[in-house]
N, C-alpha and C. Protein backbone atom coordinates (compact mmCIF):
# COMPACT_ATOMS: atom_id res chain seq x y z
N UNK A 1 6.77 12.64 -41.08
CA UNK A 1 5.68 12.79 -40.13
C UNK A 1 6.27 13.23 -38.79
N UNK A 2 5.71 14.27 -38.17
CA UNK A 2 6.25 14.75 -36.89
C UNK A 2 5.98 13.76 -35.76
N UNK A 3 6.87 13.73 -34.81
CA UNK A 3 6.71 12.90 -33.61
C UNK A 3 5.79 13.64 -32.66
N UNK A 4 4.70 12.96 -32.25
CA UNK A 4 3.79 13.58 -31.29
C UNK A 4 4.27 13.29 -29.87
N UNK A 5 4.35 14.32 -29.07
CA UNK A 5 4.74 14.18 -27.67
C UNK A 5 3.51 14.41 -26.82
N UNK A 6 3.21 13.47 -25.92
CA UNK A 6 2.04 13.58 -25.06
C UNK A 6 2.44 14.11 -23.69
N UNK A 7 1.53 14.86 -23.08
CA UNK A 7 1.74 15.46 -21.76
C UNK A 7 0.63 14.97 -20.84
N UNK A 8 0.98 14.29 -19.74
CA UNK A 8 -0.03 13.71 -18.87
C UNK A 8 -0.91 14.76 -18.20
N UNK A 9 -0.46 16.01 -18.15
CA UNK A 9 -1.27 17.05 -17.53
C UNK A 9 -2.36 17.58 -18.46
N UNK A 10 -2.22 17.32 -19.76
CA UNK A 10 -3.18 17.87 -20.72
C UNK A 10 -3.83 16.80 -21.59
N UNK A 11 -3.14 15.71 -21.87
CA UNK A 11 -3.65 14.68 -22.77
C UNK A 11 -4.27 13.53 -21.99
N UNK A 12 -5.42 13.78 -21.36
CA UNK A 12 -6.11 12.75 -20.58
C UNK A 12 -6.95 11.95 -21.58
N UNK A 13 -6.30 10.97 -22.21
CA UNK A 13 -6.93 10.26 -23.31
C UNK A 13 -6.24 8.93 -23.56
N UNK A 14 -6.84 8.11 -24.40
CA UNK A 14 -6.17 6.90 -24.89
C UNK A 14 -5.15 7.32 -25.94
N UNK A 15 -3.91 6.92 -25.76
CA UNK A 15 -2.86 7.25 -26.72
C UNK A 15 -2.74 6.18 -27.79
N UNK A 16 -2.83 4.93 -27.39
CA UNK A 16 -2.79 3.79 -28.31
C UNK A 16 -3.52 2.63 -27.64
N UNK A 17 -4.42 1.99 -28.37
CA UNK A 17 -5.13 0.83 -27.84
C UNK A 17 -5.08 -0.27 -28.90
N UNK A 18 -4.31 -1.30 -28.62
CA UNK A 18 -4.16 -2.45 -29.49
C UNK A 18 -4.25 -3.69 -28.61
N UNK A 19 -4.55 -4.86 -29.16
CA UNK A 19 -4.66 -6.05 -28.32
C UNK A 19 -3.42 -6.32 -27.47
N UNK A 20 -2.23 -6.08 -28.01
CA UNK A 20 -1.01 -6.42 -27.29
C UNK A 20 -0.45 -5.30 -26.42
N UNK A 21 -0.97 -4.08 -26.58
CA UNK A 21 -0.47 -2.96 -25.76
C UNK A 21 -1.51 -1.86 -25.68
N UNK A 22 -1.56 -1.24 -24.53
CA UNK A 22 -2.45 -0.10 -24.32
C UNK A 22 -1.62 1.02 -23.71
N UNK A 23 -1.85 2.23 -24.17
CA UNK A 23 -1.18 3.39 -23.59
C UNK A 23 -2.23 4.47 -23.41
N UNK A 24 -2.36 4.93 -22.19
CA UNK A 24 -3.34 5.98 -21.91
C UNK A 24 -2.89 6.78 -20.69
N UNK A 25 -3.37 8.00 -20.62
CA UNK A 25 -3.18 8.83 -19.45
C UNK A 25 -4.54 8.99 -18.78
N UNK A 26 -4.91 8.10 -17.84
CA UNK A 26 -6.17 8.31 -17.12
C UNK A 26 -5.94 9.15 -15.87
N UNK A 27 -6.92 9.87 -15.47
CA UNK A 27 -6.89 10.57 -14.18
C UNK A 27 -7.91 9.85 -13.31
N UNK A 28 -7.42 9.17 -12.29
CA UNK A 28 -8.28 8.35 -11.45
C UNK A 28 -8.48 9.04 -10.11
N UNK A 29 -9.73 9.32 -9.77
CA UNK A 29 -10.04 9.95 -8.48
C UNK A 29 -10.13 8.87 -7.40
N UNK A 30 -9.87 9.28 -6.16
CA UNK A 30 -9.98 8.35 -5.04
C UNK A 30 -11.42 7.86 -4.93
N UNK A 31 -11.56 6.60 -4.64
CA UNK A 31 -12.89 6.02 -4.52
C UNK A 31 -12.80 4.53 -4.31
N UNK A 32 -13.94 3.84 -4.43
CA UNK A 32 -13.92 2.39 -4.25
C UNK A 32 -13.13 1.71 -5.36
N UNK A 33 -12.62 0.52 -5.10
CA UNK A 33 -11.85 -0.19 -6.14
C UNK A 33 -12.71 -0.52 -7.35
N UNK A 34 -12.06 -0.58 -8.49
CA UNK A 34 -12.74 -1.04 -9.70
C UNK A 34 -12.86 -2.55 -9.64
N UNK A 35 -13.31 -3.13 -10.71
CA UNK A 35 -13.48 -4.58 -10.75
C UNK A 35 -12.20 -5.30 -11.11
N UNK A 36 -12.01 -6.46 -10.54
CA UNK A 36 -10.87 -7.31 -10.87
C UNK A 36 -11.00 -7.73 -12.33
N UNK A 37 -9.93 -7.56 -13.10
CA UNK A 37 -9.99 -7.88 -14.52
C UNK A 37 -8.62 -8.32 -15.02
N UNK A 38 -8.56 -8.82 -16.24
CA UNK A 38 -7.28 -9.16 -16.87
C UNK A 38 -7.43 -8.95 -18.37
N UNK A 39 -6.31 -8.96 -19.07
CA UNK A 39 -6.30 -8.83 -20.52
C UNK A 39 -5.65 -10.09 -21.09
N UNK A 40 -6.28 -10.69 -22.08
CA UNK A 40 -5.79 -11.96 -22.63
C UNK A 40 -4.51 -11.82 -23.42
N UNK A 41 -4.36 -10.75 -24.21
CA UNK A 41 -3.24 -10.67 -25.14
C UNK A 41 -2.10 -9.78 -24.68
N UNK A 42 -2.37 -8.78 -23.87
CA UNK A 42 -1.31 -7.84 -23.52
C UNK A 42 -1.25 -7.58 -22.04
N UNK A 43 -0.07 -7.22 -21.59
CA UNK A 43 0.11 -6.79 -20.21
C UNK A 43 -0.12 -5.30 -20.10
N UNK A 44 0.10 -4.78 -18.91
CA UNK A 44 -0.05 -3.35 -18.66
C UNK A 44 1.11 -2.89 -17.80
N UNK A 45 1.48 -1.64 -17.97
CA UNK A 45 2.45 -1.00 -17.08
C UNK A 45 1.81 0.28 -16.59
N UNK A 46 1.66 0.39 -15.28
CA UNK A 46 1.09 1.59 -14.67
C UNK A 46 2.23 2.41 -14.08
N UNK A 47 2.29 3.68 -14.45
CA UNK A 47 3.27 4.61 -13.90
C UNK A 47 2.49 5.66 -13.12
N UNK A 48 2.74 5.74 -11.82
CA UNK A 48 2.04 6.70 -10.97
C UNK A 48 2.75 8.05 -11.11
N UNK A 49 2.01 9.07 -11.55
CA UNK A 49 2.59 10.39 -11.75
C UNK A 49 2.29 11.34 -10.61
N UNK A 50 1.10 11.21 -10.00
CA UNK A 50 0.71 12.05 -8.87
C UNK A 50 -0.08 11.19 -7.89
N UNK A 51 -0.08 11.56 -6.63
CA UNK A 51 -0.86 10.83 -5.65
C UNK A 51 -0.29 9.45 -5.37
N UNK A 52 -1.10 8.60 -4.78
CA UNK A 52 -0.72 7.21 -4.48
C UNK A 52 -1.80 6.30 -5.02
N UNK A 53 -1.41 5.09 -5.41
CA UNK A 53 -2.38 4.14 -5.95
C UNK A 53 -2.07 2.75 -5.40
N UNK A 54 -3.11 2.07 -4.95
CA UNK A 54 -2.96 0.70 -4.45
C UNK A 54 -3.30 -0.26 -5.58
N UNK A 55 -2.44 -1.25 -5.79
CA UNK A 55 -2.63 -2.23 -6.84
C UNK A 55 -2.79 -3.61 -6.21
N UNK A 56 -3.71 -4.37 -6.72
CA UNK A 56 -3.87 -5.77 -6.35
C UNK A 56 -3.66 -6.57 -7.63
N UNK A 57 -2.58 -7.36 -7.66
CA UNK A 57 -2.27 -8.19 -8.82
C UNK A 57 -2.23 -9.63 -8.32
N UNK A 58 -3.15 -10.45 -8.85
CA UNK A 58 -3.37 -11.81 -8.36
C UNK A 58 -3.62 -11.73 -6.86
N UNK A 59 -2.71 -12.16 -5.99
CA UNK A 59 -2.96 -12.09 -4.54
C UNK A 59 -1.98 -11.17 -3.83
N UNK A 60 -1.27 -10.32 -4.56
CA UNK A 60 -0.31 -9.39 -3.97
C UNK A 60 -0.85 -7.97 -4.04
N UNK A 61 -0.83 -7.28 -2.88
CA UNK A 61 -1.32 -5.90 -2.79
C UNK A 61 -0.13 -5.00 -2.48
N UNK A 62 -0.02 -3.88 -3.22
CA UNK A 62 1.09 -2.96 -3.02
C UNK A 62 0.61 -1.54 -3.33
N UNK A 63 1.12 -0.56 -2.57
CA UNK A 63 0.81 0.84 -2.82
C UNK A 63 2.02 1.50 -3.45
N UNK A 64 1.79 2.24 -4.52
CA UNK A 64 2.87 2.92 -5.24
C UNK A 64 2.74 4.43 -5.09
N UNK A 65 3.88 5.11 -5.03
CA UNK A 65 3.96 6.56 -4.89
C UNK A 65 4.35 7.18 -6.24
N UNK A 66 4.30 8.50 -6.37
CA UNK A 66 4.69 9.14 -7.62
C UNK A 66 6.10 8.73 -8.06
N UNK A 67 6.23 8.48 -9.36
CA UNK A 67 7.51 8.09 -9.93
C UNK A 67 7.77 6.60 -9.90
N UNK A 68 6.82 5.80 -9.43
CA UNK A 68 7.01 4.35 -9.39
C UNK A 68 6.03 3.70 -10.37
N UNK A 69 6.31 2.44 -10.72
CA UNK A 69 5.45 1.76 -11.68
C UNK A 69 5.12 0.36 -11.21
N UNK A 70 4.15 -0.25 -11.90
CA UNK A 70 3.73 -1.60 -11.59
C UNK A 70 3.33 -2.29 -12.89
N UNK A 71 4.07 -3.31 -13.31
CA UNK A 71 3.69 -4.04 -14.53
C UNK A 71 2.81 -5.25 -14.22
N UNK A 72 2.02 -5.67 -15.20
CA UNK A 72 1.30 -6.94 -15.11
C UNK A 72 1.55 -7.70 -16.41
N UNK A 73 1.38 -8.98 -16.36
CA UNK A 73 1.53 -9.82 -17.55
C UNK A 73 0.13 -10.18 -18.07
N UNK A 74 0.03 -10.64 -19.31
CA UNK A 74 -1.29 -11.05 -19.82
C UNK A 74 -1.94 -12.09 -18.91
N UNK A 75 -3.25 -12.00 -18.79
CA UNK A 75 -4.07 -12.93 -18.01
C UNK A 75 -3.80 -12.88 -16.50
N UNK A 76 -3.17 -11.81 -15.99
CA UNK A 76 -2.97 -11.64 -14.54
C UNK A 76 -4.12 -10.81 -13.99
N UNK A 77 -4.99 -11.38 -13.16
CA UNK A 77 -6.08 -10.60 -12.59
C UNK A 77 -5.54 -9.43 -11.77
N UNK A 78 -6.07 -8.22 -12.00
CA UNK A 78 -5.58 -7.06 -11.28
C UNK A 78 -6.69 -6.03 -11.12
N UNK A 79 -6.48 -5.12 -10.15
CA UNK A 79 -7.36 -3.97 -9.93
C UNK A 79 -6.51 -2.84 -9.38
N UNK A 80 -6.84 -1.60 -9.76
CA UNK A 80 -6.12 -0.41 -9.31
C UNK A 80 -7.07 0.48 -8.54
N UNK A 81 -6.63 1.00 -7.37
CA UNK A 81 -7.47 1.85 -6.54
C UNK A 81 -6.68 3.08 -6.10
N UNK A 82 -7.03 4.27 -6.60
CA UNK A 82 -6.35 5.49 -6.14
C UNK A 82 -6.55 5.69 -4.65
N UNK A 83 -5.50 6.11 -3.95
CA UNK A 83 -5.57 6.28 -2.50
C UNK A 83 -5.38 7.72 -2.05
N UNK A 84 -5.01 8.62 -2.93
CA UNK A 84 -4.84 10.03 -2.56
C UNK A 84 -5.41 10.90 -3.66
N UNK A 85 -6.00 12.02 -3.28
CA UNK A 85 -6.61 12.91 -4.28
C UNK A 85 -5.52 13.56 -5.14
N UNK A 86 -5.89 13.80 -6.38
CA UNK A 86 -4.99 14.51 -7.29
C UNK A 86 -4.94 15.97 -6.88
N UNK A 87 -3.81 16.57 -7.02
CA UNK A 87 -3.64 17.99 -6.70
C UNK A 87 -4.21 18.84 -7.82
């Protein structure tokens, strides 16, 4: 079976969604924050590819630039808010 390689510039989709792990390439436009949420079984790792994104995890707020990431653990309340428009 061939290995599928995903490209974040073209594959704006869910790559894998399972209770313990999620992989997707979302394109998030600047706007109001989403809702605070958590996942019971799996954590998340966000890798910022373009623009800037502000993350609130539990009570810590941090802004990440392209090439940086932010992990969360299961049951950690978090919200992601894009802060710069995509090019």
